[in-house]
Amino acid sequence: MDRDIAERSLLLAQTLSARGWRLITAESCTGGLLSGAVTGIPGSSLWFDRGFVTYSNESKMELLGVNPETLARYGAVSEETAREMANGALALSRADVSVAITGIAGPDGGSAAKPIGTVWLAWRHRQGDIQTETCRFPGNRETIRQHAVKTALERLIALAGADMPPCGGNPAKPLE
């Protein structure tokens, strides 16, 4: 496992454990990499509730309740879909915190509007407002997926109120 991902997973574990919070994930382009990273931490069953890997549009609708109209109008890689994924995952669990990742890791599937490396993330605490971010990550499929996982971990750590040192190896470029 990537060292940055391992370090961030451990910090997230410590932070969620200290708060007594549980996490649920909803992943598309990362295909369970985030869930795998956090469950690699011993004792993760105390703070990790479950993870959904919803790669197809059908699975997003069936498992997370993403509205078919949202997918038709905005696409799977959109702020709207990421929001519905994060909210749907939280609604289906007793977790306190959710995160959703949906994007285009390549090598195919990109467009002028949504090039390869475009990733939307959404995260929220059950008692708070949902937050979203879109990033454009450079690199190949593996690198894009790793950057997405690192960014999700960073956002969750910040949500839980822990100090997160800057990630020197994460070249995420927020889109404006």
N, C-alpha and C. Protein backbone atom coordinates (compact mmCIF):
# COMPACT_ATOMS: atom_id res chain seq x y z
N MET A 1 0.84 -1.18 0.00
CA MET A 1 0.00 0.00 0.00
C MET A 1 0.89 1.25 0.00
N ASP A 2 0.45 2.25 -0.68
CA ASP A 2 1.13 3.54 -0.73
C ASP A 2 1.32 4.07 0.70
N ARG A 3 2.51 4.59 0.98
CA ARG A 3 2.83 5.05 2.34
C ARG A 3 1.93 6.21 2.78
N ASP A 4 1.65 7.15 1.89
CA ASP A 4 0.77 8.27 2.24
C ASP A 4 -0.63 7.78 2.60
N ILE A 5 -1.12 6.81 1.84
CA ILE A 5 -2.45 6.26 2.11
C ILE A 5 -2.45 5.55 3.46
N ALA A 6 -1.42 4.77 3.73
CA ALA A 6 -1.33 4.05 4.99
C ALA A 6 -1.28 5.02 6.18
N GLU A 7 -0.47 6.06 6.06
CA GLU A 7 -0.36 7.04 7.14
C GLU A 7 -1.68 7.77 7.37
N ARG A 8 -2.34 8.16 6.30
CA ARG A 8 -3.61 8.86 6.43
C ARG A 8 -4.70 7.93 6.97
N SER A 9 -4.67 6.67 6.58
CA SER A 9 -5.65 5.71 7.11
C SER A 9 -5.48 5.56 8.61
N LEU A 10 -4.25 5.49 9.07
CA LEU A 10 -3.99 5.37 10.50
C LEU A 10 -4.44 6.62 11.25
N LEU A 11 -4.14 7.80 10.71
CA LEU A 11 -4.59 9.04 11.34
C LEU A 11 -6.11 9.10 11.38
N LEU A 12 -6.77 8.70 10.32
CA LEU A 12 -8.23 8.68 10.30
C LEU A 12 -8.75 7.71 11.36
N ALA A 13 -8.14 6.53 11.45
CA ALA A 13 -8.54 5.54 12.46
C ALA A 13 -8.45 6.13 13.86
N GLN A 14 -7.35 6.77 14.16
CA GLN A 14 -7.15 7.35 15.48
C GLN A 14 -8.17 8.45 15.76
N THR A 15 -8.43 9.28 14.73
CA THR A 15 -9.35 10.40 14.89
C THR A 15 -10.79 9.94 15.06
N LEU A 16 -11.22 9.01 14.22
CA LEU A 16 -12.59 8.51 14.35
C LEU A 16 -12.78 7.76 15.66
N SER A 17 -11.80 6.96 16.03
CA SER A 17 -11.89 6.22 17.30
C SER A 17 -12.00 7.17 18.48
N ALA A 18 -11.21 8.23 18.47
CA ALA A 18 -11.24 9.20 19.57
C ALA A 18 -12.60 9.87 19.69
N ARG A 19 -13.26 10.08 18.57
CA ARG A 19 -14.56 10.74 18.55
C ARG A 19 -15.72 9.75 18.74
N GLY A 20 -15.43 8.47 18.59
CA GLY A 20 -16.50 7.48 18.66
C GLY A 20 -17.37 7.47 17.42
N TRP A 21 -16.80 7.91 16.30
CA TRP A 21 -17.55 7.97 15.04
C TRP A 21 -17.28 6.73 14.20
N ARG A 22 -18.28 6.39 13.39
CA ARG A 22 -18.15 5.27 12.44
C ARG A 22 -18.24 5.81 11.02
N LEU A 23 -17.54 5.16 10.10
CA LEU A 23 -17.42 5.59 8.71
C LEU A 23 -18.12 4.61 7.78
N ILE A 24 -18.72 5.17 6.74
CA ILE A 24 -19.25 4.38 5.63
C ILE A 24 -18.72 5.00 4.34
N THR A 25 -18.38 4.14 3.36
CA THR A 25 -17.85 4.62 2.09
C THR A 25 -18.76 4.22 0.94
N ALA A 26 -18.77 5.05 -0.10
CA ALA A 26 -19.46 4.76 -1.35
C ALA A 26 -18.47 5.07 -2.46
N GLU A 27 -17.95 4.03 -3.10
CA GLU A 27 -16.89 4.20 -4.08
C GLU A 27 -17.33 3.74 -5.46
N SER A 28 -16.87 4.48 -6.45
CA SER A 28 -17.06 4.08 -7.83
C SER A 28 -15.70 3.86 -8.47
N CYS A 29 -15.05 4.92 -8.93
CA CYS A 29 -13.80 4.76 -9.69
C CYS A 29 -12.67 4.15 -8.87
N THR A 30 -12.73 4.24 -7.56
CA THR A 30 -11.67 3.66 -6.72
C THR A 30 -11.92 2.19 -6.42
N GLY A 31 -13.08 1.68 -6.76
CA GLY A 31 -13.35 0.25 -6.71
C GLY A 31 -13.07 -0.43 -5.38
N GLY A 32 -13.21 0.27 -4.28
CA GLY A 32 -12.99 -0.33 -2.97
C GLY A 32 -11.61 -0.08 -2.38
N LEU A 33 -10.77 0.69 -3.09
CA LEU A 33 -9.43 0.97 -2.57
C LEU A 33 -9.46 1.70 -1.23
N LEU A 34 -10.38 2.64 -1.07
CA LEU A 34 -10.49 3.35 0.19
C LEU A 34 -10.91 2.40 1.30
N SER A 35 -11.92 1.60 1.05
CA SER A 35 -12.36 0.64 2.06
C SER A 35 -11.25 -0.34 2.41
N GLY A 36 -10.51 -0.78 1.41
CA GLY A 36 -9.39 -1.67 1.66
C GLY A 36 -8.31 -1.02 2.49
N ALA A 37 -8.05 0.25 2.23
CA ALA A 37 -7.01 0.96 2.98
C ALA A 37 -7.40 1.10 4.45
N VAL A 38 -8.63 1.48 4.70
CA VAL A 38 -9.01 1.70 6.10
C VAL A 38 -9.20 0.40 6.86
N THR A 39 -9.62 -0.65 6.17
CA THR A 39 -9.76 -1.93 6.87
C THR A 39 -8.42 -2.63 7.04
N GLY A 40 -7.37 -2.09 6.46
CA GLY A 40 -6.02 -2.60 6.69
C GLY A 40 -5.48 -2.20 8.05
N ILE A 41 -6.19 -1.31 8.73
CA ILE A 41 -5.80 -0.86 10.07
C ILE A 41 -6.40 -1.82 11.09
N PRO A 42 -5.58 -2.43 11.95
CA PRO A 42 -6.12 -3.32 12.98
C PRO A 42 -7.15 -2.60 13.85
N GLY A 43 -8.23 -3.27 14.15
CA GLY A 43 -9.28 -2.69 14.97
C GLY A 43 -10.27 -1.84 14.21
N SER A 44 -10.20 -1.87 12.88
CA SER A 44 -11.07 -1.01 12.07
C SER A 44 -12.55 -1.33 12.26
N SER A 45 -12.87 -2.51 12.72
CA SER A 45 -14.28 -2.85 12.92
C SER A 45 -14.92 -1.97 14.00
N LEU A 46 -14.12 -1.31 14.81
CA LEU A 46 -14.66 -0.41 15.83
C LEU A 46 -15.13 0.91 15.24
N TRP A 47 -14.62 1.30 14.07
CA TRP A 47 -14.97 2.61 13.51
C TRP A 47 -15.35 2.58 12.03
N PHE A 48 -15.24 1.43 11.38
CA PHE A 48 -15.65 1.31 9.97
C PHE A 48 -16.90 0.45 9.90
N ASP A 49 -17.99 1.04 9.42
CA ASP A 49 -19.27 0.33 9.35
C ASP A 49 -19.35 -0.58 8.13
N ARG A 50 -19.19 0.01 6.95
CA ARG A 50 -19.28 -0.76 5.71
C ARG A 50 -18.88 0.11 4.54
N GLY A 51 -18.69 -0.56 3.40
CA GLY A 51 -18.37 0.15 2.17
C GLY A 51 -19.18 -0.38 1.01
N PHE A 52 -19.59 0.52 0.17
CA PHE A 52 -20.29 0.17 -1.06
C PHE A 52 -19.36 0.42 -2.24
N VAL A 53 -19.24 -0.54 -3.12
CA VAL A 53 -18.56 -0.34 -4.39
C VAL A 53 -19.66 -0.35 -5.44
N THR A 54 -19.96 0.83 -5.95
CA THR A 54 -21.06 0.98 -6.91
C THR A 54 -20.48 1.51 -8.22
N TYR A 55 -19.94 0.60 -8.98
CA TYR A 55 -19.24 0.97 -10.21
C TYR A 55 -20.22 1.30 -11.33
N SER A 56 -21.27 0.52 -11.45
CA SER A 56 -22.25 0.76 -12.52
C SER A 56 -23.31 1.76 -12.06
N ASN A 57 -23.97 2.37 -13.03
CA ASN A 57 -25.08 3.26 -12.70
C ASN A 57 -26.19 2.49 -12.00
N GLU A 58 -26.43 1.26 -12.44
CA GLU A 58 -27.48 0.45 -11.83
C GLU A 58 -27.19 0.24 -10.35
N SER A 59 -25.95 -0.05 -10.02
CA SER A 59 -25.63 -0.28 -8.60
C SER A 59 -25.76 1.01 -7.79
N LYS A 60 -25.44 2.13 -8.38
CA LYS A 60 -25.62 3.41 -7.68
C LYS A 60 -27.10 3.61 -7.34
N MET A 61 -27.97 3.28 -8.30
CA MET A 61 -29.40 3.45 -8.08
C MET A 61 -29.92 2.40 -7.08
N GLU A 62 -29.58 1.14 -7.30
CA GLU A 62 -30.13 0.05 -6.49
C GLU A 62 -29.61 0.06 -5.06
N LEU A 63 -28.32 0.29 -4.87
CA LEU A 63 -27.73 0.16 -3.54
C LEU A 63 -27.70 1.47 -2.75
N LEU A 64 -27.59 2.61 -3.44
CA LEU A 64 -27.45 3.88 -2.74
C LEU A 64 -28.63 4.83 -2.94
N GLY A 65 -29.55 4.45 -3.81
CA GLY A 65 -30.72 5.29 -4.04
C GLY A 65 -30.45 6.52 -4.90
N VAL A 66 -29.37 6.48 -5.71
CA VAL A 66 -29.13 7.60 -6.61
C VAL A 66 -30.28 7.67 -7.61
N ASN A 67 -30.81 8.84 -7.79
CA ASN A 67 -31.96 9.05 -8.66
C ASN A 67 -31.56 8.84 -10.12
N PRO A 68 -32.32 8.04 -10.87
CA PRO A 68 -32.00 7.84 -12.30
C PRO A 68 -31.97 9.16 -13.08
N GLU A 69 -32.81 10.11 -12.68
CA GLU A 69 -32.82 11.40 -13.37
C GLU A 69 -31.51 12.17 -13.14
N THR A 70 -30.93 12.00 -11.97
CA THR A 70 -29.64 12.64 -11.68
C THR A 70 -28.58 12.10 -12.62
N LEU A 71 -28.55 10.78 -12.77
CA LEU A 71 -27.56 10.15 -13.65
C LEU A 71 -27.79 10.55 -15.10
N ALA A 72 -29.05 10.61 -15.52
CA ALA A 72 -29.36 10.98 -16.91
C ALA A 72 -28.99 12.44 -17.19
N ARG A 73 -29.25 13.30 -16.23
CA ARG A 73 -29.04 14.73 -16.46
C ARG A 73 -27.58 15.16 -16.27
N TYR A 74 -26.93 14.64 -15.21
CA TYR A 74 -25.59 15.11 -14.86
C TYR A 74 -24.48 14.09 -15.10
N GLY A 75 -24.85 12.81 -15.17
CA GLY A 75 -23.87 11.76 -15.36
C GLY A 75 -23.38 11.19 -14.04
N ALA A 76 -22.70 10.07 -14.13
CA ALA A 76 -22.18 9.40 -12.93
C ALA A 76 -21.06 10.20 -12.29
N VAL A 77 -20.31 10.93 -13.10
CA VAL A 77 -19.20 11.73 -12.60
C VAL A 77 -19.68 13.18 -12.51
N SER A 78 -20.28 13.49 -11.36
CA SER A 78 -20.85 14.82 -11.15
C SER A 78 -21.00 15.08 -9.66
N GLU A 79 -21.10 16.35 -9.34
CA GLU A 79 -21.33 16.73 -7.96
C GLU A 79 -22.65 16.15 -7.46
N GLU A 80 -23.65 16.21 -8.29
CA GLU A 80 -24.98 15.74 -7.89
C GLU A 80 -24.97 14.25 -7.55
N THR A 81 -24.30 13.46 -8.38
CA THR A 81 -24.23 12.02 -8.12
C THR A 81 -23.40 11.75 -6.87
N ALA A 82 -22.29 12.42 -6.71
CA ALA A 82 -21.46 12.22 -5.51
C ALA A 82 -22.26 12.56 -4.25
N ARG A 83 -23.02 13.63 -4.29
CA ARG A 83 -23.86 14.00 -3.15
C ARG A 83 -24.86 12.89 -2.82
N GLU A 84 -25.54 12.40 -3.84
CA GLU A 84 -26.55 11.37 -3.61
C GLU A 84 -25.92 10.07 -3.14
N MET A 85 -24.72 9.77 -3.60
CA MET A 85 -24.02 8.58 -3.13
C MET A 85 -23.69 8.70 -1.64
N ALA A 86 -23.13 9.84 -1.24
CA ALA A 86 -22.75 10.04 0.17
C ALA A 86 -23.98 10.04 1.07
N ASN A 87 -25.03 10.73 0.64
CA ASN A 87 -26.26 10.77 1.44
C ASN A 87 -26.94 9.41 1.50
N GLY A 88 -26.96 8.70 0.37
CA GLY A 88 -27.57 7.38 0.34
C GLY A 88 -26.85 6.40 1.25
N ALA A 89 -25.52 6.43 1.22
CA ALA A 89 -24.75 5.52 2.08
C ALA A 89 -25.04 5.81 3.55
N LEU A 90 -25.07 7.07 3.91
CA LEU A 90 -25.32 7.44 5.30
C LEU A 90 -26.73 7.01 5.73
N ALA A 91 -27.69 7.17 4.84
CA ALA A 91 -29.07 6.80 5.15
C ALA A 91 -29.22 5.29 5.36
N LEU A 92 -28.33 4.51 4.78
CA LEU A 92 -28.43 3.05 4.86
C LEU A 92 -27.59 2.45 5.97
N SER A 93 -27.12 3.28 6.89
CA SER A 93 -26.24 2.77 7.94
C SER A 93 -26.47 3.53 9.23
N ARG A 94 -25.76 3.10 10.23
CA ARG A 94 -25.73 3.81 11.51
C ARG A 94 -24.43 4.60 11.65
N ALA A 95 -23.70 4.72 10.55
CA ALA A 95 -22.44 5.45 10.56
C ALA A 95 -22.69 6.92 10.84
N ASP A 96 -21.64 7.59 11.29
CA ASP A 96 -21.70 9.02 11.57
C ASP A 96 -21.18 9.85 10.42
N VAL A 97 -20.27 9.26 9.62
CA VAL A 97 -19.57 9.98 8.56
C VAL A 97 -19.62 9.14 7.29
N SER A 98 -19.86 9.82 6.17
CA SER A 98 -19.83 9.13 4.87
C SER A 98 -18.91 9.87 3.92
N VAL A 99 -18.42 9.12 2.93
CA VAL A 99 -17.64 9.71 1.85
C VAL A 99 -17.99 8.98 0.57
N ALA A 100 -18.07 9.72 -0.53
CA ALA A 100 -18.33 9.14 -1.84
C ALA A 100 -17.27 9.62 -2.82
N ILE A 101 -16.90 8.71 -3.71
CA ILE A 101 -15.90 9.02 -4.74
C ILE A 101 -16.44 8.52 -6.07
N THR A 102 -16.48 9.39 -7.07
CA THR A 102 -16.87 8.99 -8.41
C THR A 102 -16.03 9.78 -9.41
N GLY A 103 -15.50 9.10 -10.42
CA GLY A 103 -14.63 9.80 -11.34
C GLY A 103 -14.28 8.99 -12.57
N ILE A 104 -13.36 9.54 -13.33
CA ILE A 104 -12.89 8.90 -14.57
C ILE A 104 -11.40 8.65 -14.41
N ALA A 105 -11.05 7.38 -14.19
CA ALA A 105 -9.65 7.03 -13.95
C ALA A 105 -8.91 6.67 -15.24
N GLY A 106 -9.65 6.44 -16.30
CA GLY A 106 -9.02 6.14 -17.58
C GLY A 106 -8.63 4.68 -17.72
N PRO A 107 -7.99 4.31 -18.78
CA PRO A 107 -7.44 5.19 -19.81
C PRO A 107 -8.48 5.70 -20.79
N ASP A 108 -9.71 5.16 -20.74
CA ASP A 108 -10.79 5.61 -21.63
C ASP A 108 -11.87 6.29 -20.81
N GLY A 109 -12.84 6.87 -21.51
CA GLY A 109 -14.00 7.41 -20.84
C GLY A 109 -14.01 8.91 -20.64
N GLY A 110 -12.91 9.57 -20.89
CA GLY A 110 -12.86 11.00 -20.72
C GLY A 110 -13.51 11.75 -21.87
N SER A 111 -13.80 13.02 -21.63
CA SER A 111 -14.36 13.90 -22.66
C SER A 111 -13.78 15.30 -22.44
N ALA A 112 -14.12 16.21 -23.32
CA ALA A 112 -13.64 17.59 -23.15
C ALA A 112 -14.18 18.18 -21.85
N ALA A 113 -15.43 17.88 -21.53
CA ALA A 113 -16.05 18.42 -20.32
C ALA A 113 -15.56 17.70 -19.06
N LYS A 114 -15.29 16.40 -19.20
CA LYS A 114 -14.85 15.60 -18.06
C LYS A 114 -13.66 14.74 -18.51
N PRO A 115 -12.47 15.33 -18.51
CA PRO A 115 -11.30 14.58 -18.95
C PRO A 115 -10.90 13.50 -17.95
N ILE A 116 -10.09 12.58 -18.42
CA ILE A 116 -9.54 11.55 -17.54
C ILE A 116 -8.85 12.25 -16.38
N GLY A 117 -9.09 11.74 -15.19
CA GLY A 117 -8.54 12.34 -13.97
C GLY A 117 -9.55 13.19 -13.22
N THR A 118 -10.72 13.43 -13.80
CA THR A 118 -11.78 14.18 -13.12
C THR A 118 -12.41 13.29 -12.06
N VAL A 119 -12.41 13.76 -10.82
CA VAL A 119 -12.98 13.00 -9.71
C VAL A 119 -13.81 13.94 -8.84
N TRP A 120 -15.01 13.50 -8.51
CA TRP A 120 -15.86 14.21 -7.57
C TRP A 120 -15.86 13.45 -6.25
N LEU A 121 -15.73 14.20 -5.15
CA LEU A 121 -15.83 13.63 -3.81
C LEU A 121 -16.93 14.36 -3.06
N ALA A 122 -17.61 13.62 -2.20
CA ALA A 122 -18.61 14.22 -1.31
C ALA A 122 -18.44 13.56 0.05
N TRP A 123 -18.54 14.34 1.11
CA TRP A 123 -18.40 13.80 2.44
C TRP A 123 -19.26 14.60 3.40
N ARG A 124 -19.70 13.93 4.47
CA ARG A 124 -20.50 14.64 5.46
C ARG A 124 -20.58 13.88 6.76
N HIS A 125 -20.82 14.63 7.80
CA HIS A 125 -21.18 14.06 9.10
C HIS A 125 -22.70 14.08 9.15
N ARG A 126 -23.27 13.08 9.79
CA ARG A 126 -24.72 12.95 9.86
C ARG A 126 -25.38 14.24 10.35
N GLN A 127 -24.73 14.96 11.23
CA GLN A 127 -25.31 16.18 11.80
C GLN A 127 -24.90 17.45 11.04
N GLY A 128 -24.18 17.30 9.95
CA GLY A 128 -23.67 18.48 9.26
C GLY A 128 -24.08 18.54 7.80
N ASP A 129 -23.62 19.58 7.16
CA ASP A 129 -23.88 19.79 5.74
C ASP A 129 -22.92 18.95 4.91
N ILE A 130 -23.39 18.58 3.75
CA ILE A 130 -22.53 17.83 2.82
C ILE A 130 -21.52 18.78 2.20
N GLN A 131 -20.34 18.28 1.98
CA GLN A 131 -19.28 19.04 1.32
C GLN A 131 -18.87 18.28 0.07
N THR A 132 -18.51 19.02 -0.96
CA THR A 132 -18.10 18.39 -2.21
C THR A 132 -16.86 19.08 -2.76
N GLU A 133 -16.17 18.34 -3.61
CA GLU A 133 -14.99 18.89 -4.26
C GLU A 133 -14.77 18.11 -5.55
N THR A 134 -14.36 18.81 -6.58
CA THR A 134 -13.94 18.15 -7.79
C THR A 134 -12.45 18.43 -7.99
N CYS A 135 -11.76 17.39 -8.40
CA CYS A 135 -10.32 17.49 -8.64
C CYS A 135 -10.01 16.93 -10.00
N ARG A 136 -8.90 17.37 -10.53
CA ARG A 136 -8.38 16.81 -11.77
C ARG A 136 -6.99 16.29 -11.45
N PHE A 137 -6.88 14.97 -11.36
CA PHE A 137 -5.62 14.34 -10.98
C PHE A 137 -4.84 13.93 -12.23
N PRO A 138 -3.53 14.14 -12.21
CA PRO A 138 -2.70 13.70 -13.33
C PRO A 138 -2.32 12.23 -13.17
N GLY A 139 -1.85 11.66 -14.24
CA GLY A 139 -1.28 10.32 -14.15
C GLY A 139 -2.11 9.25 -14.83
N ASN A 140 -1.69 8.02 -14.58
CA ASN A 140 -2.39 6.87 -15.15
C ASN A 140 -3.51 6.43 -14.21
N ARG A 141 -4.19 5.38 -14.60
CA ARG A 141 -5.34 4.87 -13.85
C ARG A 141 -5.00 4.63 -12.37
N GLU A 142 -3.92 3.93 -12.13
CA GLU A 142 -3.54 3.60 -10.75
C GLU A 142 -3.25 4.87 -9.94
N THR A 143 -2.52 5.79 -10.53
CA THR A 143 -2.16 7.03 -9.85
C THR A 143 -3.39 7.88 -9.54
N ILE A 144 -4.29 7.99 -10.49
CA ILE A 144 -5.52 8.77 -10.30
C ILE A 144 -6.33 8.18 -9.15
N ARG A 145 -6.47 6.88 -9.12
CA ARG A 145 -7.23 6.23 -8.05
C ARG A 145 -6.57 6.45 -6.69
N GLN A 146 -5.24 6.37 -6.64
CA GLN A 146 -4.54 6.61 -5.37
C GLN A 146 -4.70 8.05 -4.91
N HIS A 147 -4.61 8.99 -5.83
CA HIS A 147 -4.82 10.40 -5.47
C HIS A 147 -6.23 10.61 -4.92
N ALA A 148 -7.20 9.97 -5.52
CA ALA A 148 -8.59 10.10 -5.05
C ALA A 148 -8.74 9.57 -3.63
N VAL A 149 -8.12 8.44 -3.34
CA VAL A 149 -8.19 7.86 -1.99
C VAL A 149 -7.48 8.78 -0.99
N LYS A 150 -6.30 9.28 -1.33
CA LYS A 150 -5.58 10.19 -0.43
C LYS A 150 -6.43 11.43 -0.13
N THR A 151 -7.03 11.98 -1.15
CA THR A 151 -7.84 13.18 -0.96
C THR A 151 -9.05 12.88 -0.09
N ALA A 152 -9.71 11.75 -0.32
CA ALA A 152 -10.86 11.38 0.51
C ALA A 152 -10.44 11.24 1.97
N LEU A 153 -9.32 10.60 2.21
CA LEU A 153 -8.82 10.44 3.58
C LEU A 153 -8.54 11.80 4.22
N GLU A 154 -7.91 12.68 3.46
CA GLU A 154 -7.61 14.03 3.97
C GLU A 154 -8.88 14.78 4.34
N ARG A 155 -9.91 14.69 3.50
CA ARG A 155 -11.15 15.42 3.77
C ARG A 155 -11.86 14.84 4.99
N LEU A 156 -11.81 13.54 5.16
CA LEU A 156 -12.42 12.91 6.33
C LEU A 156 -11.68 13.29 7.60
N ILE A 157 -10.37 13.31 7.54
CA ILE A 157 -9.56 13.70 8.70
C ILE A 157 -9.88 15.14 9.09
N ALA A 158 -9.98 16.01 8.12
CA ALA A 158 -10.33 17.41 8.40
C ALA A 158 -11.74 17.52 8.98
N LEU A 159 -12.67 16.75 8.44
CA LEU A 159 -14.04 16.75 8.95
C LEU A 159 -14.08 16.35 10.41
N ALA A 160 -13.24 15.40 10.77
CA ALA A 160 -13.19 14.92 12.16
C ALA A 160 -12.39 15.86 13.05
N GLY A 161 -11.80 16.89 12.48
CA GLY A 161 -11.14 17.92 13.27
C GLY A 161 -9.69 17.67 13.60
N ALA A 162 -9.06 16.72 12.95
CA ALA A 162 -7.65 16.47 13.22
C ALA A 162 -6.78 17.37 12.33
N ASP A 163 -5.61 17.65 12.81
CA ASP A 163 -4.66 18.41 12.00
C ASP A 163 -4.07 17.49 10.95
N MET A 164 -4.13 17.92 9.73
CA MET A 164 -3.62 17.12 8.62
C MET A 164 -2.45 17.85 8.02
N PRO A 165 -1.26 17.27 8.09
CA PRO A 165 -0.13 17.93 7.44
C PRO A 165 -0.38 18.00 5.94
N PRO A 166 0.13 19.02 5.28
CA PRO A 166 -0.07 19.14 3.83
C PRO A 166 0.48 17.92 3.11
N CYS A 167 -0.23 17.52 2.09
CA CYS A 167 0.18 16.35 1.31
C CYS A 167 1.05 16.83 0.17
N GLY A 168 2.34 16.67 0.32
CA GLY A 168 3.26 17.12 -0.71
C GLY A 168 3.17 16.30 -1.98
N GLY A 169 2.71 15.05 -1.89
CA GLY A 169 2.67 14.20 -3.06
C GLY A 169 1.33 14.17 -3.75
N ASN A 170 0.37 15.01 -3.34
CA ASN A 170 -0.96 14.97 -3.92
C ASN A 170 -1.19 16.20 -4.77
N PRO A 171 -1.07 16.07 -6.08
CA PRO A 171 -1.18 17.24 -6.95
C PRO A 171 -2.61 17.56 -7.36
N ALA A 172 -3.57 17.34 -6.47
CA ALA A 172 -4.95 17.64 -6.81
C ALA A 172 -5.10 19.11 -7.15
N LYS A 173 -5.82 19.36 -8.21
CA LYS A 173 -6.07 20.73 -8.61
C LYS A 173 -7.57 20.96 -8.57
N PRO A 174 -8.07 21.64 -7.51
CA PRO A 174 -9.51 21.91 -7.48
C PRO A 174 -9.92 22.70 -8.71
N LEU A 175 -11.04 22.33 -9.26
CA LEU A 175 -11.55 23.02 -10.44
C LEU A 175 -12.37 24.21 -10.00
N GLU A 176 -12.38 25.23 -10.81
CA GLU A 176 -13.14 26.43 -10.47
C GLU A 176 -14.38 26.53 -11.31
